[in-house]
Amino acid sequence: MSNRLDNDRPAAAPSVLAARICPAAYATWALAAIFALLAAGPAMAIQPKQWTQQSESDFKEGKTDGLVISSRGDVLMASATTTLEALPEEMTVVNAMQKVDGRLYVAGGPETKVLVQTDDGFDTAIALEREQVFAMGRWDGRLLLGISAENGSRLAVLEDDGELEELIALPEEVRYVWAVLVDGRRLFVATGTEGRVYEIRPEAEDEDERIHTILDVQQKNVLSLGRDRAGRIYAGTDTDGIVYRITRGADGNWNVFALFDANEAEIGALLVLADGTVYAGTADAEQARPGMIARPREDRDGRPAPIEPDEQPVPDDPEPEPDPDEPEPEPVDAEAEAVVPAEPEKAIENDAQQQKPREAEEPATAPET
């Protein structure tokens, strides 16, 4: 190979050629260096890490914007909201809210207080000791409180001077007042832990006419109430998540019908429209625990399971006593009474026919475990 070009003069061809091929050579060298680094071992490489966020507790440290995290860990689009006023830091739990004459009252805890919204924020309307407020309403233009206590649950109204006036004392078995529904001059109260709804007429002259039990169920607590235009009362329970419809009959008695059986264990809220359309807000305390992501039970379609009647044992028929006047049976010749077995071909055919119904009875798919 000659190192000269035209005119027989030395040329810088080698250096020019080297400059032209240098980028390709450099790229080859760079690739080789990269592979050498990768081959040096994991000590010089960045190790990937993996983490999973799938429960409400996983997301609680973050800040949401236009989203809501459900108790099952689902990230969903949130409804439009407006912050009215920040609550005091000491109130970490909100149990109930009620508006009376344009003023918003909030009941919460852990130290039981009822706050009232003012132009400057929230002020304490009343504080209770060893009592709780989970339900509020409006009675004669005043705030109605359903006060839960271990000994002496009651209904009371908040006076303008900040004092409580007892409206009526509830039966001794009432430990919790979960919901109050005002209907004219009477009230309906959902209670626990005996699973009862009371119709209350505080102004009745006869004390026996003031409180009537209209629902008494096996579930421990009745959590929510609603009413439609026809006057039918709806009640939602815990334990089994059942919505009951309670209707007053022509005889004045209340008739109860199990309207809906939810997959979740609690009916925490009811919205009943005038036409009888019922919206039920369901919940499951087990699903709300941090880390729980299991789905609710799906083995029910909303229809309450029928209650099977108790099976009564059927007594065995006693052995009949022998009749002394009846003649003894004649002996049977075993050879004469012997049964001839079926032919093999026919026996196989009969066996196949007997197995067909069994195959039809088996489920098409294996049951889920």
Protein backbone atom coordinates (compact mmCIF):
# COMPACT_ATOMS: atom_id res chain seq x y z
CA MET A 1 0.00 0.00 0.00
CA SER A 2 1.43 3.39 -1.03
CA ASN A 3 1.58 6.31 1.34
CA ARG A 4 1.65 8.84 -1.45
CA LEU A 5 -1.00 10.56 -3.45
CA ASP A 6 -0.75 12.35 -6.79
CA ASN A 7 2.27 14.51 -7.73
CA ASP A 8 4.51 12.16 -5.72
CA ARG A 9 4.36 14.30 -2.67
CA PRO A 10 3.99 13.01 0.81
CA ALA A 11 0.47 13.40 1.98
CA ALA A 12 -1.25 13.40 5.24
CA ALA A 13 -3.43 10.62 4.00
CA PRO A 14 -2.77 8.36 6.93
CA SER A 15 -3.67 11.08 9.39
CA VAL A 16 -6.71 12.14 7.37
CA LEU A 17 -7.87 8.58 7.06
CA ALA A 18 -7.30 8.13 10.75
CA ALA A 19 -9.42 11.17 11.48
CA ARG A 20 -12.19 9.82 9.32
CA ILE A 21 -12.28 6.41 10.89
CA CYS A 22 -11.74 7.68 14.42
CA PRO A 23 -15.46 8.17 15.30
CA ALA A 24 -16.30 4.59 14.39
CA ALA A 25 -13.32 3.31 16.29
CA TYR A 26 -14.24 5.44 19.27
CA ALA A 27 -17.80 4.13 19.26
CA THR A 28 -16.52 0.57 19.19
CA TRP A 29 -14.23 1.33 22.10
CA ALA A 30 -17.05 3.00 24.07
CA LEU A 31 -19.34 0.00 23.63
CA ALA A 32 -16.58 -2.29 24.76
CA ALA A 33 -16.03 -0.14 27.84
CA ILE A 34 -19.76 -0.24 28.70
CA PHE A 35 -19.87 -4.00 28.45
CA ALA A 36 -16.76 -4.20 30.58
CA LEU A 37 -18.45 -2.13 33.29
CA LEU A 38 -21.56 -4.27 33.18
CA ALA A 39 -19.45 -7.38 33.45
CA ALA A 40 -17.66 -6.00 36.47
CA GLY A 41 -20.50 -7.28 38.71
CA PRO A 42 -23.60 -6.02 40.51
CA ALA A 43 -21.51 -3.96 42.92
CA MET A 44 -21.21 -1.15 40.35
CA ALA A 45 -24.83 -1.38 39.04
CA ILE A 46 -28.03 0.20 40.42
CA GLN A 47 -30.28 -2.48 41.85
CA PRO A 48 -34.03 -1.98 41.08
CA LYS A 49 -36.45 -1.94 44.00
CA GLN A 50 -40.12 -2.85 44.00
CA TRP A 51 -42.89 -1.77 46.35
CA THR A 52 -46.66 -2.15 46.33
CA GLN A 53 -49.32 0.29 47.43
CA GLN A 54 -52.68 -1.42 47.67
CA SER A 55 -54.44 -0.40 50.88
CA GLU A 56 -55.80 2.78 52.39
CA SER A 57 -52.96 2.93 54.90
CA ASP A 58 -50.40 2.82 52.06
CA PHE A 59 -51.78 6.05 50.60
CA LYS A 60 -52.65 7.99 53.75
CA GLU A 61 -49.24 9.71 53.93
CA GLY A 62 -49.67 11.17 50.45
CA LYS A 63 -51.61 14.22 49.36
CA THR A 64 -54.59 13.70 47.06
CA ASP A 65 -55.81 16.19 44.49
CA GLY A 66 -59.19 15.40 42.96
CA LEU A 67 -58.94 11.79 44.17
CA VAL A 68 -60.27 9.74 47.03
CA ILE A 69 -58.82 6.55 48.54
CA SER A 70 -61.45 4.00 49.53
CA SER A 71 -61.17 1.66 52.50
CA ARG A 72 -60.31 -1.10 50.02
CA GLY A 73 -57.33 0.76 48.65
CA ASP A 74 -59.03 1.85 45.42
CA VAL A 75 -57.96 5.21 43.98
CA LEU A 76 -61.10 6.88 42.61
CA MET A 77 -62.11 10.23 41.18
CA ALA A 78 -63.55 12.41 43.94
CA SER A 79 -66.68 14.52 43.84
CA ALA A 80 -66.28 18.27 43.85
CA THR A 81 -65.92 19.53 47.41
CA THR A 82 -65.63 22.87 49.13
CA THR A 83 -63.97 23.34 52.51
CA LEU A 84 -66.32 25.28 54.77
CA GLU A 85 -64.07 25.67 57.77
CA ALA A 86 -61.25 23.78 59.41
CA LEU A 87 -62.23 21.93 62.57
CA PRO A 88 -60.21 22.30 65.75
CA GLU A 89 -57.26 19.91 65.93
CA GLU A 90 -58.63 18.18 69.01
CA MET A 91 -61.71 16.99 67.08
CA THR A 92 -60.46 14.06 65.03
CA VAL A 93 -63.77 12.23 64.61
CA VAL A 94 -67.00 13.64 63.18
CA ASN A 95 -70.12 11.72 64.22
CA ALA A 96 -72.99 13.89 62.96
CA MET A 97 -73.86 17.24 61.37
CA GLN A 98 -77.05 19.24 61.38
CA LYS A 99 -78.13 22.68 60.16
CA VAL A 100 -80.61 24.70 62.21
CA ASP A 101 -81.67 28.15 61.00
CA GLY A 102 -78.61 28.44 58.80
CA ARG A 103 -76.15 27.50 61.54
CA LEU A 104 -74.06 24.35 61.12
CA TYR A 105 -73.59 22.10 64.15
CA VAL A 106 -70.95 19.36 64.22
CA ALA A 107 -70.80 16.60 66.84
CA GLY A 108 -67.57 14.70 67.27
CA GLY A 109 -64.84 13.43 69.52
CA PRO A 110 -62.93 11.74 70.97
CA GLU A 111 -63.94 14.13 73.76
CA THR A 112 -67.61 14.63 73.03
CA LYS A 113 -68.33 18.16 71.86
CA VAL A 114 -70.94 19.84 69.72
CA LEU A 115 -69.48 22.72 67.73
CA VAL A 116 -71.35 25.55 66.04
CA GLN A 117 -70.02 27.45 63.05
CA THR A 118 -69.61 31.21 63.43
CA ASP A 119 -68.05 33.96 61.36
CA ASP A 120 -64.73 33.32 63.10
CA GLY A 121 -64.72 29.53 62.79
CA PHE A 122 -66.17 26.92 65.14
CA ASP A 123 -67.08 27.50 68.74
CA THR A 124 -68.06 24.91 71.34
CA ALA A 125 -71.83 24.85 71.78
CA ILE A 126 -71.78 22.17 74.48
CA ALA A 127 -69.39 19.57 75.89
CA LEU A 128 -70.49 16.27 77.44
CA GLU A 129 -68.76 13.90 79.84
CA ARG A 130 -69.18 10.13 79.61
CA GLU A 131 -71.80 10.62 76.90
CA GLN A 132 -71.70 10.55 73.11
CA VAL A 133 -73.66 12.15 70.28
CA PHE A 134 -74.05 10.14 67.08
CA ALA A 135 -77.37 11.57 65.87
CA MET A 136 -78.87 15.04 65.60
CA GLY A 137 -82.02 16.59 64.18
CA ARG A 138 -84.25 19.65 64.35
CA TRP A 139 -87.13 20.01 66.81
CA ASP A 140 -89.17 23.20 67.15
CA GLY A 141 -86.42 25.25 65.56
CA ARG A 142 -83.83 23.97 68.02
CA LEU A 143 -81.02 21.45 67.76
CA LEU A 144 -82.14 17.94 68.73
CA LEU A 145 -79.49 15.63 70.19
CA GLY A 146 -79.61 11.86 70.47
CA ILE A 147 -77.40 11.32 73.51
CA SER A 148 -75.90 7.85 74.05
CA ALA A 149 -74.90 6.81 77.55
CA GLU A 150 -74.19 3.60 79.38
CA ASN A 151 -76.85 4.48 81.91
CA GLY A 152 -79.55 6.82 80.69
CA SER A 153 -79.62 7.46 76.93
CA ARG A 154 -81.97 10.31 76.08
CA LEU A 155 -83.21 12.86 73.59
CA ALA A 156 -82.57 16.51 74.40
CA VAL A 157 -82.74 19.93 72.73
CA LEU A 158 -80.13 22.67 72.93
CA GLU A 159 -81.52 25.92 74.29
CA ASP A 160 -80.37 29.37 73.19
CA ASP A 161 -78.51 29.81 76.48
CA GLY A 162 -76.40 26.70 75.79
CA GLU A 163 -78.22 24.46 78.26
CA LEU A 164 -79.76 21.08 77.42
CA GLU A 165 -83.44 20.43 77.98
CA GLU A 166 -84.34 16.75 78.17
CA LEU A 167 -87.10 15.87 75.74
CA ILE A 168 -87.57 12.25 76.78
CA ALA A 169 -85.62 9.51 78.51
CA LEU A 170 -85.17 6.34 76.46
CA PRO A 171 -85.66 2.77 77.72
CA GLU A 172 -82.92 1.33 79.91
CA GLU A 173 -81.81 -1.18 77.29
CA VAL A 174 -80.83 1.59 74.86
CA ARG A 175 -77.05 1.96 74.89
CA TYR A 176 -76.60 3.85 71.61
CA VAL A 177 -78.75 6.30 69.68
CA TRP A 178 -77.59 5.94 66.08
CA ALA A 179 -80.18 7.89 64.08
CA VAL A 180 -83.11 10.23 64.70
CA LEU A 181 -85.88 10.91 62.17
CA VAL A 182 -88.31 13.76 62.87
CA ASP A 183 -91.77 13.35 61.36
CA GLY A 184 -94.11 16.12 62.45
CA ARG A 185 -94.72 15.87 66.19
CA ARG A 186 -93.27 12.38 66.49
CA LEU A 187 -89.80 10.92 66.20
CA PHE A 188 -88.29 7.64 65.09
CA VAL A 189 -85.11 6.58 66.86
CA ALA A 190 -82.68 3.85 65.74
CA THR A 191 -80.86 2.27 68.66
CA GLY A 192 -78.46 -0.43 69.81
CA THR A 193 -77.34 -2.81 71.10
CA GLU A 194 -80.74 -4.53 71.15
CA GLY A 195 -81.52 -3.72 67.51
CA ARG A 196 -84.70 -1.68 67.95
CA VAL A 197 -86.49 1.28 66.37
CA TYR A 198 -88.84 3.32 68.54
CA GLU A 199 -91.72 5.59 67.61
CA ILE A 200 -91.74 8.42 70.13
CA ARG A 201 -94.45 10.98 70.83
CA PRO A 202 -92.91 13.29 73.44
CA GLU A 203 -96.09 15.33 73.89
CA ALA A 204 -98.47 12.43 74.54
CA GLU A 205 -100.30 12.90 77.84
CA ASP A 206 -100.34 9.18 78.63
CA GLU A 207 -96.80 7.98 79.35
CA ASP A 208 -97.65 4.56 77.91
CA GLU A 209 -98.36 6.22 74.57
CA ARG A 210 -95.05 8.05 74.31
CA ILE A 211 -92.74 5.20 73.28
CA HIS A 212 -93.62 2.28 71.00
CA THR A 213 -91.28 -0.36 69.58
CA ILE A 214 -91.91 -0.70 65.85
CA LEU A 215 -88.88 -2.83 64.97
CA ASP A 216 -87.08 -5.44 67.07
CA VAL A 217 -84.58 -7.52 65.08
CA GLN A 218 -81.79 -10.01 65.71
CA GLN A 219 -79.12 -7.57 64.52
CA LYS A 220 -77.41 -5.68 67.34
CA ASN A 221 -77.71 -2.12 66.04
CA VAL A 222 -80.04 -0.20 63.76
CA LEU A 223 -77.74 2.43 62.27
CA SER A 224 -79.80 4.47 59.79
CA LEU A 225 -83.35 5.61 59.08
CA GLY A 226 -85.34 7.01 56.16
CA ARG A 227 -88.94 7.82 55.21
CA ASP A 228 -90.81 8.05 51.93
CA ARG A 229 -93.81 10.12 50.95
CA ALA A 230 -96.22 7.29 51.82
CA GLY A 231 -95.01 7.33 55.43
CA ARG A 232 -93.10 4.05 55.21
CA ILE A 233 -90.01 3.87 57.43
CA TYR A 234 -86.75 2.30 56.28
CA ALA A 235 -84.10 1.05 58.70
CA GLY A 236 -80.57 -0.20 58.03
CA THR A 237 -78.73 -2.53 60.40
CA ASP A 238 -75.28 -3.78 61.19
CA THR A 239 -74.22 -7.43 61.64
CA ASP A 240 -75.95 -8.62 58.43
CA GLY A 241 -76.41 -5.39 56.48
CA ILE A 242 -80.18 -5.57 56.05
CA VAL A 243 -82.59 -2.81 55.02
CA TYR A 244 -86.04 -3.21 56.57
CA ARG A 245 -89.21 -1.51 55.40
CA ILE A 246 -91.71 -0.77 58.17
CA THR A 247 -95.29 0.02 57.19
CA ARG A 248 -98.24 0.87 59.41
CA GLY A 249 -101.18 -1.39 58.64
CA ALA A 250 -104.87 -0.57 58.63
CA ASP A 251 -105.13 -1.99 62.15
CA GLY A 252 -102.50 0.46 63.41
CA ASN A 253 -99.81 -2.17 63.83
CA TRP A 254 -96.44 -1.94 62.10
CA ASN A 255 -95.58 -4.58 59.50
CA VAL A 256 -91.92 -5.35 58.78
CA PHE A 257 -90.46 -6.52 55.47
CA ALA A 258 -86.79 -7.28 54.79
CA LEU A 259 -86.19 -5.24 51.65
CA PHE A 260 -82.48 -5.73 50.94
CA ASP A 261 -79.58 -7.86 52.19
CA ALA A 262 -76.21 -6.29 51.36
CA ASN A 263 -72.92 -8.08 50.83
CA GLU A 264 -71.34 -5.77 53.40
CA ALA A 265 -72.09 -6.04 57.10
CA GLU A 266 -73.40 -2.51 57.74
CA ILE A 267 -75.98 -0.13 56.29
CA GLY A 268 -74.41 3.07 57.57
CA ALA A 269 -76.62 5.55 55.69
CA LEU A 270 -79.97 5.64 53.87
CA LEU A 271 -81.28 8.16 51.37
CA VAL A 272 -84.99 7.66 50.67
CA LEU A 273 -86.64 9.68 47.92
CA ALA A 274 -90.28 10.67 47.94
CA ASP A 275 -91.17 8.03 45.33
CA GLY A 276 -89.76 5.24 47.48
CA THR A 277 -86.39 4.90 45.77
CA VAL A 278 -83.88 3.86 48.42
CA TYR A 279 -80.12 4.43 48.29
CA ALA A 280 -78.12 2.47 50.86
CA GLY A 281 -74.59 3.32 51.93
CA THR A 282 -72.85 0.10 52.96
CA ALA A 283 -69.68 -0.52 54.92
CA ASP A 284 -67.67 -3.34 56.41
CA ALA A 285 -65.52 -2.69 59.46
CA GLU A 286 -63.25 -5.62 58.59
CA GLN A 287 -62.49 -4.05 55.20
CA ALA A 288 -61.67 -0.70 56.79
CA ARG A 289 -58.76 -2.01 58.82
CA PRO A 290 -55.31 -0.95 57.54
CA GLY A 291 -53.97 -3.39 55.00
CA MET A 292 -57.28 -5.10 54.30
CA ILE A 293 -58.03 -5.40 50.60
CA ALA A 294 -60.32 -8.43 50.47
CA ARG A 295 -63.54 -8.04 48.54
CA PRO A 296 -66.96 -8.25 50.20
CA ARG A 297 -68.98 -11.39 50.13
CA GLU A 298 -70.50 -12.09 46.74
CA ASP A 299 -72.61 -15.09 47.59
CA ARG A 300 -75.82 -13.09 48.02
CA ASP A 301 -77.98 -11.23 45.54
CA GLY A 302 -79.58 -8.74 47.91
CA ARG A 303 -82.51 -10.95 48.81
CA PRO A 304 -82.72 -11.89 52.48
CA ALA A 305 -82.06 -15.57 53.10
CA PRO A 306 -85.25 -17.43 54.07
CA ILE A 307 -85.44 -18.64 57.64
CA GLU A 308 -85.80 -22.39 57.60
CA PRO A 309 -88.28 -23.78 60.15
CA ASP A 310 -86.86 -25.95 62.86
CA GLU A 311 -86.88 -29.56 61.76
CA GLN A 312 -88.88 -31.71 64.13
CA PRO A 313 -87.67 -35.30 64.53
CA VAL A 314 -90.03 -37.81 63.00
CA PRO A 315 -90.70 -40.66 65.42
CA ASP A 316 -90.01 -44.15 64.15
CA ASP A 317 -93.05 -46.31 63.48
CA PRO A 318 -93.35 -48.82 66.29
CA GLU A 319 -93.07 -52.46 65.37
CA PRO A 320 -96.57 -53.96 65.10
CA GLU A 321 -97.34 -56.57 67.68
CA PRO A 322 -97.93 -60.05 66.19
CA ASP A 323 -101.56 -61.17 65.90
CA PRO A 324 -101.99 -64.48 67.72
CA ASP A 325 -104.91 -65.43 65.42
CA GLU A 326 -102.89 -64.90 62.22
CA PRO A 327 -101.50 -68.18 60.74
CA GLU A 328 -97.75 -68.55 60.49
CA PRO A 329 -96.28 -68.00 57.00
CA GLU A 330 -95.42 -71.07 54.94
CA PRO A 331 -91.70 -71.82 54.44
CA VAL A 332 -90.24 -70.65 51.13
CA ASP A 333 -88.22 -72.90 48.86
CA ALA A 334 -84.92 -71.06 48.31
CA GLU A 335 -84.21 -72.82 45.00
CA ALA A 336 -87.67 -72.06 43.61
CA GLU A 337 -87.43 -68.38 44.56
CA ALA A 338 -83.89 -67.81 43.26
CA VAL A 339 -83.60 -64.84 40.87
CA VAL A 340 -81.88 -65.45 37.55
CA PRO A 341 -79.13 -62.81 37.03
CA ALA A 342 -79.40 -60.53 34.02
CA GLU A 343 -77.34 -61.16 30.94
CA PRO A 344 -73.97 -59.37 30.88
CA GLU A 345 -74.87 -57.18 27.89
CA LYS A 346 -78.11 -56.02 29.45
CA ALA A 347 -76.48 -55.39 32.82
CA ILE A 348 -73.87 -53.09 31.23
CA GLU A 349 -76.59 -51.22 29.38
CA ASN A 350 -78.58 -50.70 32.57
CA ASP A 351 -75.50 -49.47 34.41
CA ALA A 352 -74.86 -46.87 31.70
CA GLN A 353 -78.44 -45.67 31.87
CA GLN A 354 -78.23 -45.28 35.63
CA GLN A 355 -75.05 -43.18 35.42
CA LYS A 356 -76.45 -40.60 33.00
CA PRO A 357 -78.60 -38.80 35.54
CA ARG A 358 -75.65 -38.67 37.95
CA GLU A 359 -73.50 -36.95 35.33
CA ALA A 360 -76.25 -34.40 34.70
CA GLU A 361 -76.48 -33.57 38.41
CA GLU A 362 -72.78 -32.70 38.72
CA PRO A 363 -71.96 -28.98 38.39
CA ALA A 364 -70.62 -27.83 35.06
CA THR A 365 -67.67 -26.11 36.71
CA ALA A 366 -65.73 -26.92 39.82
CA PRO A 367 -66.88 -24.97 42.87
CA GLU A 368 -64.69 -22.11 43.93
CA THR A 369 -62.57 -22.66 47.00
